[in-house]
PDB file of N, CA and C in Angstrom:
ATOM      1  N   MET A   1     -12.203 -13.427  -2.923  1.00  0.00           N
ATOM      2  CA  MET A   1     -10.926 -13.139  -2.295  1.00  0.00           C
ATOM      3  C   MET A   1      -9.801 -13.928  -2.973  1.00  0.00           C
ATOM      4  N   LYS A   2     -10.058 -15.186  -3.229  1.00  0.00           N
ATOM      5  CA  LYS A   2      -9.026 -16.046  -3.820  1.00  0.00           C
ATOM      6  C   LYS A   2      -8.565 -15.511  -5.185  1.00  0.00           C
ATOM      7  N   GLU A   3      -9.528 -15.096  -6.011  1.00  0.00           N
ATOM      8  CA  GLU A   3      -9.200 -14.555  -7.330  1.00  0.00           C
ATOM      9  C   GLU A   3      -8.411 -13.248  -7.211  1.00  0.00           C
ATOM     10  N   ALA A   4      -8.830 -12.384  -6.312  1.00  0.00           N
ATOM     11  CA  ALA A   4      -8.130 -11.111  -6.105  1.00  0.00           C
ATOM     12  C   ALA A   4      -6.708 -11.356  -5.598  1.00  0.00           C
ATOM     13  N   LEU A   5      -6.541 -12.335  -4.728  1.00  0.00           N
ATOM     14  CA  LEU A   5      -5.211 -12.644  -4.191  1.00  0.00           C
ATOM     15  C   LEU A   5      -4.295 -13.171  -5.295  1.00  0.00           C
ATOM     16  N   GLN A   6      -4.794 -14.052  -6.127  1.00  0.00           N
ATOM     17  CA  GLN A   6      -3.997 -14.559  -7.249  1.00  0.00           C
ATOM     18  C   GLN A   6      -3.603 -13.413  -8.180  1.00  0.00           C
ATOM     19  N   GLU A   7      -4.540 -12.525  -8.430  1.00  0.00           N
ATOM     20  CA  GLU A   7      -4.271 -11.369  -9.279  1.00  0.00           C
ATOM     21  C   GLU A   7      -3.194 -10.476  -8.640  1.00  0.00           C
ATOM     22  N   ALA A   8      -3.291 -10.241  -7.343  1.00  0.00           N
ATOM     23  CA  ALA A   8      -2.311  -9.406  -6.638  1.00  0.00           C
ATOM     24  C   ALA A   8      -0.916 -10.021  -6.704  1.00  0.00           C
ATOM     25  N   PHE A   9      -0.824 -11.332  -6.533  1.00  0.00           N
ATOM     26  CA  PHE A   9       0.480 -11.997  -6.618  1.00  0.00           C
ATOM     27  C   PHE A   9       1.083 -11.840  -8.015  1.00  0.00           C
ATOM     28  N   LEU A  10       0.243 -11.879  -9.043  1.00  0.00           N
ATOM     29  CA  LEU A  10       0.739 -11.698 -10.409  1.00  0.00           C
ATOM     30  C   LEU A  10       1.173 -10.257 -10.667  1.00  0.00           C
ATOM     31  N   MET A  11       0.517  -9.309 -10.036  1.00  0.00           N
ATOM     32  CA  MET A  11       0.821  -7.883 -10.228  1.00  0.00           C
ATOM     33  C   MET A  11       2.061  -7.441  -9.447  1.00  0.00           C
ATOM     34  N   ALA A  12       2.380  -8.133  -8.364  1.00  0.00           N
ATOM     35  CA  ALA A  12       3.445  -7.698  -7.452  1.00  0.00           C
ATOM     36  C   ALA A  12       4.816  -7.705  -8.126  1.00  0.00           C
ATOM     37  N   ASP A  13       5.564  -6.643  -7.907  1.00  0.00           N
ATOM     38  CA  ASP A  13       6.940  -6.534  -8.389  1.00  0.00           C
ATOM     39  C   ASP A  13       7.863  -6.872  -7.221  1.00  0.00           C
ATOM     40  N   GLU A  14       8.388  -8.079  -7.230  1.00  0.00           N
ATOM     41  CA  GLU A  14       9.224  -8.547  -6.123  1.00  0.00           C
ATOM     42  C   GLU A  14      10.512  -7.758  -5.976  1.00  0.00           C
ATOM     43  N   SER A  15      10.927  -7.054  -7.019  1.00  0.00           N
ATOM     44  CA  SER A  15      12.192  -6.316  -6.955  1.00  0.00           C
ATOM     45  C   SER A  15      12.049  -4.935  -6.314  1.00  0.00           C
ATOM     46  N   SER A  16      10.833  -4.488  -6.079  1.00  0.00           N
ATOM     47  CA  SER A  16      10.624  -3.160  -5.491  1.00  0.00           C
ATOM     48  C   SER A  16      10.708  -3.232  -3.968  1.00  0.00           C
ATOM     49  N   PRO A  17      11.040  -2.114  -3.319  1.00  0.00           N
ATOM     50  CA  PRO A  17      11.158  -2.096  -1.858  1.00  0.00           C
ATOM     51  C   PRO A  17       9.835  -2.355  -1.138  1.00  0.00           C
ATOM     52  N   ALA A  18       8.727  -1.977  -1.760  1.00  0.00           N
ATOM     53  CA  ALA A  18       7.396  -2.193  -1.187  1.00  0.00           C
ATOM     54  C   ALA A  18       6.488  -2.702  -2.314  1.00  0.00           C
ATOM     55  N   ILE A  19       5.424  -3.357  -1.919  1.00  0.00           N
ATOM     56  CA  ILE A  19       4.419  -3.798  -2.883  1.00  0.00           C
ATOM     57  C   ILE A  19       3.276  -2.783  -2.802  1.00  0.00           C
ATOM     58  N   ILE A  20       3.052  -2.049  -3.883  1.00  0.00           N
ATOM     59  CA  ILE A  20       1.980  -1.046  -3.928  1.00  0.00           C
ATOM     60  C   ILE A  20       1.126  -1.349  -5.158  1.00  0.00           C
ATOM     61  N   LEU A  21      -0.109  -1.782  -4.907  1.00  0.00           N
ATOM     62  CA  LEU A  21      -0.990  -2.202  -5.991  1.00  0.00           C
ATOM     63  C   LEU A  21      -2.336  -1.505  -5.896  1.00  0.00           C
ATOM     64  N   LYS A  22      -2.923  -1.236  -7.047  1.00  0.00           N
ATOM     65  CA  LYS A  22      -4.295  -0.712  -7.052  1.00  0.00           C
ATOM     66  C   LYS A  22      -5.090  -1.451  -8.102  1.00  0.00           C
ATOM     67  N   ASN A  23      -6.347  -1.676  -7.776  1.00  0.00           N
ATOM     68  CA  ASN A  23      -7.245  -2.335  -8.702  1.00  0.00           C
ATOM     69  C   ASN A  23      -8.656  -1.891  -8.364  1.00  0.00           C
ATOM     70  N   LYS A  24      -9.298  -1.247  -9.308  1.00  0.00           N
ATOM     71  CA  LYS A  24     -10.628  -0.687  -9.067  1.00  0.00           C
ATOM     72  C   LYS A  24     -11.692  -1.762  -8.854  1.00  0.00           C
ATOM     73  N   SER A  25     -11.403  -2.993  -9.234  1.00  0.00           N
ATOM     74  CA  SER A  25     -12.400  -4.055  -9.072  1.00  0.00           C
ATOM     75  C   SER A  25     -12.314  -4.761  -7.718  1.00  0.00           C
ATOM     76  N   TRP A  26     -11.279  -4.479  -6.941  1.00  0.00           N
ATOM     77  CA  TRP A  26     -11.178  -5.118  -5.630  1.00  0.00           C
ATOM     78  C   TRP A  26     -12.179  -4.488  -4.665  1.00  0.00           C
ATOM     79  N   PRO A  27     -12.945  -5.300  -3.943  1.00  0.00           N
ATOM     80  CA  PRO A  27     -13.859  -4.754  -2.931  1.00  0.00           C
ATOM     81  C   PRO A  27     -13.067  -4.118  -1.782  1.00  0.00           C
ATOM     82  N   ALA A  28     -13.539  -3.000  -1.291  1.00  0.00           N
ATOM     83  CA  ALA A  28     -12.848  -2.309  -0.190  1.00  0.00           C
ATOM     84  C   ALA A  28     -12.688  -3.210   1.034  1.00  0.00           C
ATOM     85  N   GLY A  29     -13.605  -4.139   1.225  1.00  0.00           N
ATOM     86  CA  GLY A  29     -13.564  -5.006   2.390  1.00  0.00           C
ATOM     87  C   GLY A  29     -12.454  -6.036   2.407  1.00  0.00           C
ATOM     88  N   ILE A  30     -11.765  -6.222   1.278  1.00  0.00           N
ATOM     89  CA  ILE A  30     -10.698  -7.232   1.261  1.00  0.00           C
ATOM     90  C   ILE A  30      -9.296  -6.658   1.085  1.00  0.00           C
ATOM     91  N   ILE A  31      -9.171  -5.347   0.881  1.00  0.00           N
ATOM     92  CA  ILE A  31      -7.836  -4.811   0.593  1.00  0.00           C
ATOM     93  C   ILE A  31      -6.866  -4.963   1.762  1.00  0.00           C
ATOM     94  N   GLY A  32      -7.372  -4.937   2.983  1.00  0.00           N
ATOM     95  CA  GLY A  32      -6.505  -5.174   4.133  1.00  0.00           C
ATOM     96  C   GLY A  32      -5.989  -6.605   4.162  1.00  0.00           C
ATOM     97  N   LEU A  33      -6.857  -7.543   3.835  1.00  0.00           N
ATOM     98  CA  LEU A  33      -6.450  -8.945   3.772  1.00  0.00           C
ATOM     99  C   LEU A  33      -5.425  -9.158   2.662  1.00  0.00           C
ATOM    100  N   LEU A  34      -5.648  -8.528   1.512  1.00  0.00           N
ATOM    101  CA  LEU A  34      -4.688  -8.633   0.409  1.00  0.00           C
ATOM    102  C   LEU A  34      -3.329  -8.074   0.814  1.00  0.00           C
ATOM    103  N   ALA A  35      -3.338  -6.891   1.419  1.00  0.00           N
ATOM    104  CA  ALA A  35      -2.075  -6.273   1.843  1.00  0.00           C
ATOM    105  C   ALA A  35      -1.352  -7.166   2.843  1.00  0.00           C
ATOM    106  N   GLY A  36      -2.102  -7.775   3.756  1.00  0.00           N
ATOM    107  CA  GLY A  36      -1.498  -8.671   4.742  1.00  0.00           C
ATOM    108  C   GLY A  36      -0.862  -9.889   4.100  1.00  0.00           C
ATOM    109  N   LYS A  37      -1.543 -10.499   3.139  1.00  0.00           N
ATOM    110  CA  LYS A  37      -1.007 -11.686   2.446  1.00  0.00           C
ATOM    111  C   LYS A  37       0.228 -11.331   1.627  1.00  0.00           C
ATOM    112  N   LEU A  38       0.207 -10.172   0.971  1.00  0.00           N
ATOM    113  CA  LEU A  38       1.379  -9.733   0.207  1.00  0.00           C
ATOM    114  C   LEU A  38       2.567  -9.467   1.123  1.00  0.00           C
ATOM    115  N   CYS A  39       2.312  -8.823   2.246  1.00  0.00           N
ATOM    116  CA  CYS A  39       3.366  -8.533   3.218  1.00  0.00           C
ATOM    117  C   CYS A  39       3.987  -9.832   3.729  1.00  0.00           C
ATOM    118  N   GLU A  40       3.149 -10.800   4.038  1.00  0.00           N
ATOM    119  CA  GLU A  40       3.639 -12.105   4.505  1.00  0.00           C
ATOM    120  C   GLU A  40       4.475 -12.799   3.434  1.00  0.00           C
ATOM    121  N   LYS A  41       3.962 -12.850   2.224  1.00  0.00           N
ATOM    122  CA  LYS A  41       4.638 -13.587   1.148  1.00  0.00           C
ATOM    123  C   LYS A  41       5.980 -12.965   0.768  1.00  0.00           C
ATOM    124  N   TYR A  42       6.026 -11.639   0.649  1.00  0.00           N
ATOM    125  CA  TYR A  42       7.218 -10.976   0.138  1.00  0.00           C
ATOM    126  C   TYR A  42       8.087 -10.342   1.223  1.00  0.00           C
ATOM    127  N   SER A  43       7.615 -10.330   2.469  1.00  0.00           N
ATOM    128  CA  SER A  43       8.347  -9.695   3.581  1.00  0.00           C
ATOM    129  C   SER A  43       8.703  -8.248   3.259  1.00  0.00           C
ATOM    130  N   LYS A  44       7.703  -7.537   2.734  1.00  0.00           N
ATOM    131  CA  LYS A  44       7.865  -6.122   2.375  1.00  0.00           C
ATOM    132  C   LYS A  44       6.608  -5.373   2.782  1.00  0.00           C
ATOM    133  N   PRO A  45       6.748  -4.083   3.091  1.00  0.00           N
ATOM    134  CA  PRO A  45       5.536  -3.287   3.308  1.00  0.00           C
ATOM    135  C   PRO A  45       4.650  -3.392   2.067  1.00  0.00           C
ATOM    136  N   SER A  46       3.353  -3.496   2.295  1.00  0.00           N
ATOM    137  CA  SER A  46       2.420  -3.679   1.185  1.00  0.00           C
ATOM    138  C   SER A  46       1.230  -2.738   1.333  1.00  0.00           C
ATOM    139  N   ILE A  47       0.857  -2.134   0.225  1.00  0.00           N
ATOM    140  CA  ILE A  47      -0.285  -1.219   0.189  1.00  0.00           C
ATOM    141  C   ILE A  47      -1.184  -1.652  -0.965  1.00  0.00           C
ATOM    142  N   CYS A  48      -2.430  -1.913  -0.655  1.00  0.00           N
ATOM    143  CA  CYS A  48      -3.423  -2.257  -1.680  1.00  0.00           C
ATOM    144  C   CYS A  48      -4.502  -1.192  -1.677  1.00  0.00           C
ATOM    145  N   LEU A  49      -4.883  -0.763  -2.877  1.00  0.00           N
ATOM    146  CA  LEU A  49      -5.872   0.305  -3.004  1.00  0.00           C
ATOM    147  C   LEU A  49      -6.972  -0.088  -3.983  1.00  0.00           C
ATOM    148  N   THR A  50      -8.140   0.473  -3.745  1.00  0.00           N
ATOM    149  CA  THR A  50      -9.275   0.326  -4.638  1.00  0.00           C
ATOM    150  C   THR A  50     -10.003   1.662  -4.695  1.00  0.00           C
ATOM    151  N   THR A  51     -10.966   1.762  -5.568  1.00  0.00           N
ATOM    152  CA  THR A  51     -11.716   3.004  -5.713  1.00  0.00           C
ATOM    153  C   THR A  51     -12.953   2.994  -4.826  1.00  0.00           C
ATOM    154  N   HIS A  52     -13.168   4.110  -4.147  1.00  0.00           N
ATOM    155  CA  HIS A  52     -14.360   4.273  -3.317  1.00  0.00           C
ATOM    156  C   HIS A  52     -14.769   5.741  -3.362  1.00  0.00           C
ATOM    157  N   GLN A  53     -15.965   6.010  -3.829  1.00  0.00           N
ATOM    158  CA  GLN A  53     -16.511   7.363  -3.911  1.00  0.00           C
ATOM    159  C   GLN A  53     -15.566   8.326  -4.628  1.00  0.00           C
ATOM    160  N   GLY A  54     -15.003   7.866  -5.743  1.00  0.00           N
ATOM    161  CA  GLY A  54     -14.184   8.726  -6.587  1.00  0.00           C
ATOM    162  C   GLY A  54     -12.749   8.924  -6.129  1.00  0.00           C
ATOM    163  N   ARG A  55     -12.356   8.264  -5.064  1.00  0.00           N
ATOM    164  CA  ARG A  55     -10.975   8.357  -4.565  1.00  0.00           C
ATOM    165  C   ARG A  55     -10.409   6.955  -4.412  1.00  0.00           C
ATOM    166  N   LEU A  56      -9.091   6.890  -4.242  1.00  0.00           N
ATOM    167  CA  LEU A  56      -8.470   5.621  -3.922  1.00  0.00           C
ATOM    168  C   LEU A  56      -8.417   5.482  -2.406  1.00  0.00           C
ATOM    169  N   VAL A  57      -8.855   4.336  -1.913  1.00  0.00           N
ATOM    170  CA  VAL A  57      -8.716   4.016  -0.496  1.00  0.00           C
ATOM    171  C   VAL A  57      -7.761   2.837  -0.405  1.00  0.00           C
ATOM    172  N   GLY A  58      -6.878   2.906   0.563  1.00  0.00           N
ATOM    173  CA  GLY A  58      -5.855   1.884   0.667  1.00  0.00           C
ATOM    174  C   GLY A  58      -5.723   1.324   2.054  1.00  0.00           C
ATOM    175  N   SER A  59      -5.189   0.130   2.086  1.00  0.00           N
ATOM    176  CA  SER A  59      -4.871  -0.531   3.339  1.00  0.00           C
ATOM    177  C   SER A  59      -3.413  -0.948   3.270  1.00  0.00           C
ATOM    178  N   CYS A  60      -2.697  -0.736   4.360  1.00  0.00           N
ATOM    179  CA  CYS A  60      -1.259  -0.996   4.416  1.00  0.00           C
ATOM    180  C   CYS A  60      -0.950  -2.021   5.504  1.00  0.00           C
ATOM    181  N   ARG A  61      -0.006  -2.893   5.218  1.00  0.00           N
ATOM    182  CA  ARG A  61       0.537  -3.808   6.219  1.00  0.00           C
ATOM    183  C   ARG A  61       2.046  -3.721   6.095  1.00  0.00           C
ATOM    184  N   SER A  62       2.753  -3.899   7.216  1.00  0.00           N
ATOM    185  CA  SER A  62       4.188  -3.691   7.160  1.00  0.00           C
ATOM    186  C   SER A  62       4.964  -4.746   7.940  1.00  0.00           C
ATOM    187  N   ILE A  63       6.257  -4.705   7.736  1.00  0.00           N
ATOM    188  CA  ILE A  63       7.200  -5.576   8.420  1.00  0.00           C
ATOM    189  C   ILE A  63       7.697  -4.859   9.678  1.00  0.00           C
ATOM    190  N   PRO A  64       8.241  -5.590  10.647  1.00  0.00           N
ATOM    191  CA  PRO A  64       8.663  -4.949  11.901  1.00  0.00           C
ATOM    192  C   PRO A  64       9.680  -3.809  11.733  1.00  0.00           C
ATOM    193  N   GLN A  65      10.530  -3.882  10.722  1.00  0.00           N
ATOM    194  CA  GLN A  65      11.559  -2.856  10.516  1.00  0.00           C
ATOM    195  C   GLN A  65      11.001  -1.530   9.999  1.00  0.00           C
ATOM    196  N   VAL A  66       9.773  -1.531   9.491  1.00  0.00           N
ATOM    197  CA  VAL A  66       9.203  -0.329   8.865  1.00  0.00           C
ATOM    198  C   VAL A  66       7.891   0.038   9.563  1.00  0.00           C
ATOM    199  N   ASN A  67       7.927   1.114  10.347  1.00  0.00           N
ATOM    200  CA  ASN A  67       6.713   1.628  10.986  1.00  0.00           C
ATOM    201  C   ASN A  67       5.931   2.360   9.903  1.00  0.00           C
ATOM    202  N   ILE A  68       4.869   1.733   9.436  1.00  0.00           N
ATOM    203  CA  ILE A  68       4.165   2.251   8.267  1.00  0.00           C
ATOM    204  C   ILE A  68       3.527   3.615   8.512  1.00  0.00           C
ATOM    205  N   VAL A  69       3.028   3.869   9.717  1.00  0.00           N
ATOM    206  CA  VAL A  69       2.427   5.189   9.980  1.00  0.00           C
ATOM    207  C   VAL A  69       3.491   6.275   9.972  1.00  0.00           C
ATOM    208  N   ASP A  70       4.659   5.983  10.529  1.00  0.00           N
ATOM    209  CA  ASP A  70       5.751   6.957  10.462  1.00  0.00           C
ATOM    210  C   ASP A  70       6.110   7.257   9.014  1.00  0.00           C
ATOM    211  N   TRP A  71       6.179   6.217   8.194  1.00  0.00           N
ATOM    212  CA  TRP A  71       6.514   6.424   6.790  1.00  0.00           C
ATOM    213  C   TRP A  71       5.431   7.223   6.074  1.00  0.00           C
ATOM    214  N   LEU A  72       4.187   6.885   6.305  1.00  0.00           N
ATOM    215  CA  LEU A  72       3.103   7.626   5.653  1.00  0.00           C
ATOM    216  C   LEU A  72       3.116   9.094   6.058  1.00  0.00           C
ATOM    217  N   SER A  73       3.527   9.380   7.278  1.00  0.00           N
ATOM    218  CA  SER A  73       3.536  10.771   7.742  1.00  0.00           C
ATOM    219  C   SER A  73       4.453  11.650   6.890  1.00  0.00           C
ATOM    220  N   HIS A  74       5.471  11.077   6.294  1.00  0.00           N
ATOM    221  CA  HIS A  74       6.379  11.838   5.423  1.00  0.00           C
ATOM    222  C   HIS A  74       5.695  12.256   4.111  1.00  0.00           C
ATOM    223  N   TYR A  75       4.600  11.596   3.784  1.00  0.00           N
ATOM    224  CA  TYR A  75       3.910  11.845   2.521  1.00  0.00           C
ATOM    225  C   TYR A  75       2.492  12.359   2.747  1.00  0.00           C
ATOM    226  N   SER A  76       2.241  12.886   3.916  1.00  0.00           N
ATOM    227  CA  SER A  76       0.882  13.299   4.288  1.00  0.00           C
ATOM    228  C   SER A  76       0.288  14.327   3.330  1.00  0.00           C
ATOM    229  N   SER A  77       1.129  15.099   2.666  1.00  0.00           N
ATOM    230  CA  SER A  77       0.610  16.101   1.731  1.00  0.00           C
ATOM    231  C   SER A  77      -0.075  15.450   0.518  1.00  0.00           C
ATOM    232  N   TYR A  78       0.208  14.203   0.276  1.00  0.00           N
ATOM    233  CA  TYR A  78      -0.439  13.484  -0.826  1.00  0.00           C
ATOM    234  C   TYR A  78      -1.841  12.998  -0.466  1.00  0.00           C
ATOM    235  N   PHE A  79      -2.118  12.820   0.820  1.00  0.00           N
ATOM    236  CA  PHE A  79      -3.321  12.116   1.248  1.00  0.00           C
ATOM    237  C   PHE A  79      -4.477  13.041   1.617  1.00  0.00           C
ATOM    238  N   VAL A  80      -5.663  12.537   1.395  1.00  0.00           N
ATOM    239  CA  VAL A  80      -6.869  13.161   1.933  1.00  0.00           C
ATOM    240  C   VAL A  80      -6.916  12.846   3.431  1.00  0.00           C
ATOM    241  N   GLY A  81      -6.452  11.657   3.783  1.00  0.00           N
ATOM    242  CA  GLY A  81      -6.365  11.245   5.174  1.00  0.00           C
ATOM    243  C   GLY A  81      -5.620   9.931   5.285  1.00  0.00           C
ATOM    244  N   TYR A  82      -5.097   9.655   6.485  1.00  0.00           N
ATOM    245  CA  TYR A  82      -4.414   8.392   6.759  1.00  0.00           C
ATOM    246  C   TYR A  82      -4.371   8.183   8.262  1.00  0.00           C
ATOM    247  N   GLY A  83      -4.082   6.966   8.669  1.00  0.00           N
ATOM    248  CA  GLY A  83      -3.953   6.681  10.090  1.00  0.00           C
ATOM    249  C   GLY A  83      -3.750   5.201  10.316  1.00  0.00           C
ATOM    250  N   GLY A  84      -3.416   4.855  11.545  1.00  0.00           N
ATOM    251  CA  GLY A  84      -3.200   3.461  11.889  1.00  0.00           C
ATOM    252  C   GLY A  84      -2.147   3.321  12.957  1.00  0.00           C
ATOM    253  N   HIS A  85      -1.361   2.263  12.849  1.00  0.00           N
ATOM    254  CA  HIS A  85      -0.281   2.016  13.810  1.00  0.00           C
ATOM    255  C   HIS A  85       0.925   1.445  13.076  1.00  0.00           C
ATOM    256  N   ALA A  86       1.933   1.024  13.807  1.00  0.00           N
ATOM    257  CA  ALA A  86       3.221   0.641  13.218  1.00  0.00           C
ATOM    258  C   ALA A  86       3.114  -0.415  12.122  1.00  0.00           C
ATOM    259  N   GLN A  87       2.231  -1.380  12.285  1.00  0.00           N
ATOM    260  CA  GLN A  87       2.182  -2.491  11.343  1.00  0.00           C
ATOM    261  C   GLN A  87       0.989  -2.474  10.391  1.00  0.00           C
ATOM    262  N   ALA A  88       0.013  -1.598  10.636  1.00  0.00           N
ATOM    263  CA  ALA A  88      -1.176  -1.561   9.774  1.00  0.00           C
ATOM    264  C   ALA A  88      -1.738  -0.148   9.732  1.00  0.00           C
ATOM    265  N   ALA A  89      -2.155   0.254   8.533  1.00  0.00           N
ATOM    266  CA  ALA A  89      -2.696   1.609   8.380  1.00  0.00           C
ATOM    267  C   ALA A  89      -3.661   1.643   7.201  1.00  0.00           C
ATOM    268  N   GLY A  90      -4.358   2.746   7.114  1.00  0.00           N
ATOM    269  CA  GLY A  90      -5.241   3.002   5.992  1.00  0.00           C
ATOM    270  C   GLY A  90      -4.969   4.392   5.452  1.00  0.00           C
ATOM    271  N   LEU A  91      -5.333   4.609   4.203  1.00  0.00           N
ATOM    272  CA  LEU A  91      -5.131   5.926   3.606  1.00  0.00           C
ATOM    273  C   LEU A  91      -6.172   6.169   2.528  1.00  0.00           C
ATOM    274  N   THR A  92      -6.395   7.436   2.257  1.00  0.00           N
ATOM    275  CA  THR A  92      -7.243   7.868   1.147  1.00  0.00           C
ATOM    276  C   THR A  92      -6.437   8.881   0.349  1.00  0.00           C
ATOM    277  N   ILE A  93      -6.434   8.697  -0.974  1.00  0.00           N
ATOM    278  CA  ILE A  93      -5.639   9.556  -1.849  1.00  0.00           C
ATOM    279  C   ILE A  93      -6.416   9.798  -3.140  1.00  0.00           C
ATOM    280  N   GLU A  94      -6.275  10.990  -3.690  1.00  0.00           N
ATOM    281  CA  GLU A  94      -6.888  11.272  -4.983  1.00  0.00           C
ATOM    282  C   GLU A  94      -6.128  10.484  -6.049  1.00  0.00           C
ATOM    283  N   GLU A  95      -6.853  10.011  -7.037  1.00  0.00           N
ATOM    284  CA  GLU A  95      -6.262   9.198  -8.116  1.00  0.00           C
ATOM    285  C   GLU A  95      -5.072   9.899  -8.769  1.00  0.00           C
ATOM    286  N   ASP A  96      -5.181  11.202  -9.013  1.00  0.00           N
ATOM    287  CA  ASP A  96      -4.111  11.912  -9.715  1.00  0.00           C
ATOM    288  C   ASP A  96      -2.858  12.130  -8.858  1.00  0.00           C
ATOM    289  N   ARG A  97      -2.910  11.817  -7.591  1.00  0.00           N
ATOM    290  CA  ARG A  97      -1.750  11.943  -6.698  1.00  0.00           C
ATOM    291  C   ARG A  97      -1.046  10.604  -6.478  1.00  0.00           C
ATOM    292  N   PHE A  98      -1.700   9.511  -6.886  1.00  0.00           N
ATOM    293  CA  PHE A  98      -1.207   8.173  -6.582  1.00  0.00           C
ATOM    294  C   PHE A  98       0.177   7.887  -7.172  1.00  0.00           C
ATOM    295  N   LYS A  99       0.355   8.129  -8.461  1.00  0.00           N
ATOM    296  CA  LYS A  99       1.615   7.775  -9.123  1.00  0.00           C
ATOM    297  C   LYS A  99       2.812   8.479  -8.479  1.00  0.00           C
ATOM    298  N   ALA A 100       2.682   9.769  -8.229  1.00  0.00           N
ATOM    299  CA  ALA A 100       3.786  10.517  -7.619  1.00  0.00           C
ATOM    300  C   ALA A 100       4.084   9.990  -6.213  1.00  0.00           C
ATOM    301  N   PHE A 101       3.031   9.723  -5.432  1.00  0.00           N
ATOM    302  CA  PHE A 101       3.242   9.168  -4.095  1.00  0.00           C
ATOM    303  C   PHE A 101       3.963   7.829  -4.172  1.00  0.00           C
ATOM    304  N   ALA A 102       3.468   6.918  -5.007  1.00  0.00           N
ATOM    305  CA  ALA A 102       4.037   5.567  -5.084  1.00  0.00           C
ATOM    306  C   ALA A 102       5.504   5.615  -5.508  1.00  0.00           C
ATOM    307  N   GLU A 103       5.825   6.429  -6.491  1.00  0.00           N
ATOM    308  CA  GLU A 103       7.211   6.531  -6.957  1.00  0.00           C
ATOM    309  C   GLU A 103       8.125   7.087  -5.871  1.00  0.00           C
ATOM    310  N   GLU A 104       7.692   8.140  -5.208  1.00  0.00           N
ATOM    311  CA  GLU A 104       8.514   8.752  -4.165  1.00  0.00           C
ATOM    312  C   GLU A 104       8.686   7.803  -2.974  1.00  0.00           C
ATOM    313  N   PHE A 105       7.603   7.156  -2.565  1.00  0.00           N
ATOM    314  CA  PHE A 105       7.650   6.200  -1.461  1.00  0.00           C
ATOM    315  C   PHE A 105       8.634   5.073  -1.767  1.00  0.00           C
ATOM    316  N   GLN A 106       8.533   4.489  -2.953  1.00  0.00           N
ATOM    317  CA  GLN A 106       9.423   3.383  -3.333  1.00  0.00           C
ATOM    318  C   GLN A 106      10.888   3.829  -3.340  1.00  0.00           C
ATOM    319  N   LYS A 107      11.148   5.002  -3.911  1.00  0.00           N
ATOM    320  CA  LYS A 107      12.521   5.523  -3.992  1.00  0.00           C
ATOM    321  C   LYS A 107      13.100   5.747  -2.603  1.00  0.00           C
ATOM    322  N   ASP A 108      12.354   6.434  -1.756  1.00  0.00           N
ATOM    323  CA  ASP A 108      12.845   6.746  -0.409  1.00  0.00           C
ATOM    324  C   ASP A 108      13.010   5.486   0.444  1.00  0.00           C
ATOM    325  N   LEU A 109      12.062   4.574   0.363  1.00  0.00           N
ATOM    326  CA  LEU A 109      12.156   3.346   1.150  1.00  0.00           C
ATOM    327  C   LEU A 109      13.334   2.503   0.676  1.00  0.00           C
ATOM    328  N   GLY A 110      13.529   2.430  -0.621  1.00  0.00           N
ATOM    329  CA  GLY A 110      14.666   1.691  -1.161  1.00  0.00           C
ATOM    330  C   GLY A 110      15.997   2.225  -0.659  1.00  0.00           C
ATOM    331  N   GLU A 111      16.134   3.541  -0.632  1.00  0.00           N
ATOM    332  CA  GLU A 111      17.367   4.161  -0.126  1.00  0.00           C
ATOM    333  C   GLU A 111      17.528   3.889   1.368  1.00  0.00           C
ATOM    334  N   TRP A 112      16.454   3.968   2.119  1.00  0.00           N
ATOM    335  CA  TRP A 112      16.502   3.755   3.568  1.00  0.00           C
ATOM    336  C   TRP A 112      16.852   2.302   3.922  1.00  0.00           C
ATOM    337  N   LEU A 113      16.361   1.362   3.135  1.00  0.00           N
ATOM    338  CA  LEU A 113      16.586  -0.054   3.428  1.00  0.00           C
ATOM    339  C   LEU A 113      18.007  -0.513   3.090  1.00  0.00           C
ATOM    340  N   LYS A 114      18.740   0.270   2.285  1.00  0.00           N
ATOM    341  CA  LYS A 114      20.101  -0.137   1.892  1.00  0.00           C
ATOM    342  C   LYS A 114      21.044  -0.177   3.070  1.00  0.00           C
TER     343      LYS A 114
END
């Protein structure tokens, strides 16, 4: 966990509206913890993803101003599935859909936060 967390901190782009990271070597069991630590450190919604059974699985943590499930609902067409509550959620997405989702999410959230 410690190594993955250090790696996530190095990967994080502090200038983006949300922290969205993927790493195929991260165990699925720690991505929620990683997302939580990133959210705490940067005070931004955070999504961490890893590979599981040929798809990306992600865990999301959010700040009080951003209901993460409401936000994910705007992008539901990208996901195989998603769910959760205002401050924490999970999602599954095909690898080839990830880049478009992440770019659109960052753009829209950035505009909304202004």
